[in-house]
Amino acid sequence: MKINYASLKDEMGRYRTQSLFWELRYGVDAKYPPIFTLKAEDIERDGVKYLSLKKLYMAYDHVPGLEYEFAMDVFNSWDHWQKLQGDTIPAIKDEIKAWREELDIRIKAKAIKALMTSSLDNDAKGVNAAKYLVEKGYLTKRGRPSKEELEREKKQILGMNKDVASDLERIGLKVVNNA
């Protein structure tokens, strides 16, 4: 993978975001042609190969959210990666979030597989690994909902109430509260 780092910025030196992706391009732009695709595999269109950023991301062994090596290899800049995954449109942010979740699951699956192998050993390490697997220690235990979860649930309920009220109004019914 050889990326021309100069093509990752516009003529004013700003980091490119949307224009980097084939799916998010605006028509044909000879000045800022796309480099990547959001698809899982590389694609070729009109004789031009677009690298799958997801495939590149998944090729690295890193902790989701701590992708420094990936950012430096692909973008030659931690700041550019931060901008791309944080200060851009939802289409890009949501994709990166999904990649992180997938990578997290892959890491957990590898770890549990290693524990399964280790659990077959006849030593203290094997016993502890077996106990962890039997007790399903890898499952998250449910505690009190976080403030974010409560807020999200509240917004969903309020949104549903507004939808129901507008539907009732549209069909000519009124809600009568006995308070």
Protein backbone atom coordinates (compact mmCIF):
# COMPACT_ATOMS: atom_id res chain seq x y z
CA MET A 1 0.00 0.00 0.00
CA LYS A 2 1.59 3.23 -1.13
CA ILE A 3 -0.39 6.40 -0.52
CA ASN A 4 0.67 9.79 -1.76
CA TYR A 5 0.30 11.75 1.48
CA ALA A 6 0.18 15.08 -0.39
CA SER A 7 -3.12 13.97 -1.97
CA LEU A 8 -4.71 13.71 1.50
CA LYS A 9 -4.88 17.50 1.79
CA ASP A 10 -6.46 20.16 -0.41
CA GLU A 11 -4.57 23.06 -1.98
CA MET A 12 -5.05 25.12 1.19
CA GLY A 13 -3.45 22.40 3.34
CA ARG A 14 -6.72 21.26 4.93
CA TYR A 15 -7.34 17.58 5.59
CA ARG A 16 -9.68 15.99 3.07
CA THR A 17 -12.53 13.97 4.55
CA GLN A 18 -15.58 13.21 2.38
CA SER A 19 -13.68 13.66 -0.87
CA LEU A 20 -11.34 10.81 0.12
CA PHE A 21 -14.10 8.24 -0.44
CA TRP A 22 -15.49 6.96 -3.70
CA GLU A 23 -19.01 6.61 -2.25
CA LEU A 24 -19.09 10.23 -1.03
CA ARG A 25 -17.59 11.96 -4.06
CA TYR A 26 -19.38 14.76 -5.86
CA GLY A 27 -19.30 13.88 -9.55
CA VAL A 28 -15.91 13.73 -11.24
CA ASP A 29 -13.29 15.84 -9.50
CA ALA A 30 -9.94 15.71 -11.26
CA LYS A 31 -8.47 18.01 -8.62
CA TYR A 32 -9.33 15.81 -5.63
CA PRO A 33 -10.00 12.25 -6.81
CA PRO A 34 -11.12 9.73 -4.19
CA ILE A 35 -8.50 7.36 -2.79
CA PHE A 36 -10.50 5.03 -0.56
CA THR A 37 -13.78 3.16 -0.44
CA LEU A 38 -15.91 2.49 2.64
CA LYS A 39 -16.65 -1.00 1.31
CA ALA A 40 -15.13 -4.10 2.92
CA GLU A 41 -12.96 -4.89 -0.11
CA ASP A 42 -10.97 -2.81 -2.57
CA ILE A 43 -12.97 -1.81 -5.64
CA GLU A 44 -12.06 -0.87 -9.18
CA ARG A 45 -14.12 1.64 -11.15
CA ASP A 46 -13.23 2.89 -14.63
CA GLY A 47 -9.77 1.38 -14.33
CA VAL A 48 -9.01 3.09 -11.01
CA LYS A 49 -8.45 1.02 -7.86
CA TYR A 50 -9.85 2.40 -4.60
CA LEU A 51 -8.41 0.99 -1.38
CA SER A 52 -10.81 -0.29 1.26
CA LEU A 53 -10.14 1.76 4.38
CA LYS A 54 -11.95 -0.90 6.40
CA LYS A 55 -9.64 -3.60 5.06
CA LEU A 56 -6.61 -1.46 5.92
CA TYR A 57 -8.01 -0.73 9.40
CA MET A 58 -8.72 -4.40 10.13
CA ALA A 59 -5.23 -5.44 9.00
CA TYR A 60 -3.68 -3.75 12.04
CA ASP A 61 -3.44 -5.26 15.51
CA HIS A 62 -4.50 -2.38 17.70
CA VAL A 63 -6.99 -1.56 20.40
CA PRO A 64 -10.10 0.16 18.98
CA GLY A 65 -9.79 3.88 19.67
CA LEU A 66 -5.99 3.70 19.94
CA GLU A 67 -5.09 3.43 16.26
CA TYR A 68 -1.90 5.49 16.21
CA GLU A 69 0.18 3.16 14.03
CA PHE A 70 -2.67 2.82 11.53
CA ALA A 71 -3.19 6.60 11.42
CA MET A 72 0.48 7.28 10.82
CA ASP A 73 0.86 4.60 8.14
CA VAL A 74 -2.29 5.48 6.21
CA PHE A 75 -2.68 9.24 6.78
CA ASN A 76 0.80 10.20 8.00
CA SER A 77 -1.04 12.17 10.69
CA TRP A 78 -2.84 11.43 13.93
CA ASP A 79 -4.74 14.72 13.58
CA HIS A 80 -6.11 13.74 10.17
CA TRP A 81 -7.41 10.44 11.58
CA GLN A 82 -8.95 12.29 14.55
CA LYS A 83 -10.72 14.67 12.19
CA LEU A 84 -11.94 11.83 10.00
CA GLN A 85 -13.36 9.76 12.84
CA GLY A 86 -14.64 12.61 14.99
CA ASP A 87 -15.34 15.85 13.14
CA THR A 88 -16.94 14.67 9.93
CA ILE A 89 -20.26 13.48 8.52
CA PRO A 90 -22.17 10.58 10.13
CA ALA A 91 -21.60 8.34 7.09
CA ILE A 92 -17.89 8.23 7.90
CA LYS A 93 -18.13 8.35 11.71
CA ASP A 94 -20.70 5.54 11.79
CA GLU A 95 -18.56 3.33 9.53
CA ILE A 96 -15.50 3.83 11.72
CA LYS A 97 -17.58 3.12 14.84
CA ALA A 98 -18.81 -0.14 13.25
CA TRP A 99 -15.21 -1.10 12.36
CA ARG A 100 -14.16 -0.51 15.95
CA GLU A 101 -17.00 -2.67 17.24
CA GLU A 102 -16.12 -5.44 14.78
CA LEU A 103 -12.44 -5.27 15.71
CA ASP A 104 -13.33 -5.36 19.41
CA ILE A 105 -15.39 -8.52 18.86
CA ARG A 106 -12.56 -10.08 16.84
CA ILE A 107 -10.07 -9.33 19.64
CA LYS A 108 -12.41 -10.80 22.27
CA ALA A 109 -13.02 -13.90 20.14
CA LYS A 110 -9.26 -14.48 19.76
CA ALA A 111 -8.77 -14.03 23.51
CA ILE A 112 -11.55 -16.47 24.38
CA LYS A 113 -10.14 -18.96 21.88
CA ALA A 114 -6.75 -18.65 23.60
CA LEU A 115 -8.46 -19.19 26.96
CA MET A 116 -10.17 -22.29 25.59
CA THR A 117 -6.80 -23.70 24.55
CA SER A 118 -5.28 -22.72 27.90
CA SER A 119 -8.18 -24.29 29.83
CA LEU A 120 -7.04 -27.74 28.64
CA ASP A 121 -3.76 -27.40 30.58
CA ASN A 122 -3.49 -29.25 33.89
CA ASP A 123 -2.15 -26.34 35.92
CA ALA A 124 -3.48 -23.34 37.84
CA LYS A 125 -3.63 -21.25 34.69
CA GLY A 126 -5.75 -23.90 32.97
CA VAL A 127 -8.11 -24.18 35.94
CA ASN A 128 -8.61 -20.41 36.07
CA ALA A 129 -9.22 -20.25 32.33
CA ALA A 130 -11.73 -23.11 32.53
CA LYS A 131 -13.52 -21.44 35.45
CA TYR A 132 -13.71 -18.15 33.53
CA LEU A 133 -15.22 -19.94 30.53
CA VAL A 134 -17.70 -21.97 32.58
CA GLU A 135 -18.87 -18.89 34.48
CA LYS A 136 -19.09 -16.95 31.20
CA GLY A 137 -16.89 -14.20 32.61
CA TYR A 138 -16.64 -12.69 29.13
CA LEU A 139 -20.28 -11.58 29.25
CA THR A 140 -20.89 -8.12 30.62
CA LYS A 141 -22.82 -8.06 33.82
CA ARG A 142 -25.79 -5.75 33.84
CA GLY A 143 -25.77 -3.04 36.46
CA ARG A 144 -27.44 0.30 36.78
CA PRO A 145 -28.06 1.96 33.40
CA SER A 146 -25.65 4.76 32.56
CA LYS A 147 -26.78 8.37 32.30
CA GLU A 148 -26.32 8.16 28.53
CA GLU A 149 -28.57 5.10 28.31
CA LEU A 150 -31.25 6.78 30.43
CA GLU A 151 -31.07 9.95 28.35
CA ARG A 152 -31.28 7.98 25.08
CA GLU A 153 -34.31 6.03 26.37
CA LYS A 154 -35.98 9.26 27.51
CA LYS A 155 -35.47 10.83 24.06
CA GLN A 156 -36.92 7.74 22.37
CA ILE A 157 -40.03 7.82 24.56
CA LEU A 158 -40.51 11.56 24.01
CA GLY A 159 -40.10 11.04 20.27
CA MET A 160 -42.71 8.26 20.28
CA ASN A 161 -45.11 10.41 22.30
CA LYS A 162 -44.76 13.25 19.77
CA ASP A 163 -45.37 10.81 16.90
CA VAL A 164 -48.48 9.39 18.58
CA ALA A 165 -49.80 12.88 19.34
CA SER A 166 -49.29 14.04 15.75
CA ASP A 167 -50.97 10.86 14.45
CA LEU A 168 -53.95 11.40 16.76
CA GLU A 169 -54.22 15.04 15.69
CA ARG A 170 -54.01 14.04 12.04
CA ILE A 171 -56.94 11.63 12.35
CA GLY A 172 -58.92 14.10 14.43
CA LEU A 173 -58.67 12.63 17.94
CA LYS A 174 -57.69 14.41 21.14
CA VAL A 175 -55.90 13.06 24.18
CA VAL A 176 -57.80 13.78 27.39
CA ASN A 177 -55.72 13.74 30.55
CA ASN A 178 -57.52 13.12 33.85
CA ALA A 179 -55.19 15.05 36.09
